[in-house]
C-alpha atoms as a PDB file:
ATOM      1  CA  MET A   1       6.047  -2.580   3.118  1.00  0.00           C
ATOM      2  CA  ILE A   2       3.316  -4.478   1.292  1.00  0.00           C
ATOM      3  CA  GLY A   3       2.086  -5.700   4.665  1.00  0.00           C
ATOM      4  CA  ALA A   4       1.526  -2.119   5.772  1.00  0.00           C
ATOM      5  CA  ALA A   5      -0.399  -1.367   2.590  1.00  0.00           C
ATOM      6  CA  ILE A   6      -2.620  -4.399   3.152  1.00  0.00           C
ATOM      7  CA  LEU A   7      -3.129  -3.390   6.790  1.00  0.00           C
ATOM      8  CA  PHE A   8      -4.326   0.091   5.805  1.00  0.00           C
ATOM      9  CA  LEU A   9      -6.580  -1.444   3.146  1.00  0.00           C
ATOM     10  CA  ILE A  10      -8.204  -3.668   5.780  1.00  0.00           C
ATOM     11  CA  ILE A  11      -8.619  -0.694   8.113  1.00  0.00           C
ATOM     12  CA  ALA A  12     -10.315   1.213   5.294  1.00  0.00           C
ATOM     13  CA  LEU A  13     -12.683  -1.668   4.574  1.00  0.00           C
ATOM     14  CA  VAL A  14     -13.646  -2.122   8.228  1.00  0.00           C
ATOM     15  CA  ALA A  15     -14.142   1.611   8.727  1.00  0.00           C
ATOM     16  CA  GLY A  16     -16.293   1.726   5.591  1.00  0.00           C
ATOM     17  CA  VAL A  17     -18.551  -1.002   6.957  1.00  0.00           C
ATOM     18  CA  PHE A  18     -19.083   0.946  10.158  1.00  0.00           C
ATOM     19  CA  GLY A  19     -19.607   4.274   8.364  1.00  0.00           C
ATOM     20  CA  PHE A  20     -16.487   6.230   9.324  1.00  0.00           C
ATOM     21  CA  PHE A  21     -15.940   7.808   5.919  1.00  0.00           C
ATOM     22  CA  GLY A  22     -13.176  10.198   7.012  1.00  0.00           C
ATOM     23  CA  ILE A  23     -11.088   7.295   8.246  1.00  0.00           C
ATOM     24  CA  VAL A  24     -11.879   5.347   5.089  1.00  0.00           C
ATOM     25  CA  SER A  25     -10.461   8.004   2.803  1.00  0.00           C
ATOM     26  CA  ALA A  26      -7.344   8.493   4.933  1.00  0.00           C
ATOM     27  CA  ALA A  27      -6.566   4.784   5.263  1.00  0.00           C
ATOM     28  CA  ALA A  28      -7.265   4.108   1.596  1.00  0.00           C
ATOM     29  CA  GLY A  29      -4.993   6.979   0.575  1.00  0.00           C
ATOM     30  CA  ILE A  30      -2.166   5.700   2.746  1.00  0.00           C
ATOM     31  CA  ALA A  31      -2.639   2.156   1.407  1.00  0.00           C
ATOM     32  CA  LYS A  32      -2.521   3.445  -2.171  1.00  0.00           C
ATOM     33  CA  ILE A  33       0.677   5.420  -1.571  1.00  0.00           C
ATOM     34  CA  LEU A  34       2.392   2.478   0.137  1.00  0.00           C
ATOM     35  CA  PHE A  35       1.345   0.135  -2.655  1.00  0.00           C
ATOM     36  CA  PHE A  36       2.870   2.354  -5.342  1.00  0.00           C
ATOM     37  CA  VAL A  37       6.062   2.816  -3.304  1.00  0.00           C
ATOM     38  CA  PHE A  38       6.293  -0.974  -3.026  1.00  0.00           C
ATOM     39  CA  ILE A  39       5.833  -1.402  -6.778  1.00  0.00           C
ATOM     40  CA  VAL A  40       8.572   1.151  -7.531  1.00  0.00           C
ATOM     41  CA  MET A  41      10.968  -0.517  -5.086  1.00  0.00           C
ATOM     42  CA  PHE A  42      10.184  -3.915  -6.605  1.00  0.00           C
ATOM     43  CA  ILE A  43      10.955  -2.678 -10.125  1.00  0.00           C
ATOM     44  CA  ILE A  44      14.198  -1.072  -8.947  1.00  0.00           C
ATOM     45  CA  SER A  45      15.254  -4.302  -7.259  1.00  0.00           C
ATOM     46  CA  LEU A  46      14.517  -6.258 -10.434  1.00  0.00           C
ATOM     47  CA  ILE A  47      16.662  -3.897 -12.497  1.00  0.00           C
ATOM     48  CA  THR A  48      19.595  -3.841 -10.075  1.00  0.00           C
ATOM     49  CA  GLY A  49      19.432  -7.590  -9.522  1.00  0.00           C
ATOM     50  CA  ARG A  50      19.843  -8.279 -13.219  1.00  0.00           C
ATOM     51  CA  ARG A  51      22.895  -6.053 -13.513  1.00  0.00           C
ATOM     52  CA  ARG A  52      24.843  -8.006 -10.892  1.00  0.00           C
ATOM     53  CA  ALA A  53      24.358 -11.347 -12.614  1.00  0.00           C
END
């Protein structure tokens, strides 16, 4: 999941260099959403992992 967020971030950076601002905003938005989903899943896994032990 974090790999996909990094991929969209790289796409946004490359598109920004070449001047495709519509693609930049779309890819950056997707990367931001995936990053926050990853953070939430990470926190949930930390909480559930501690309960088992």
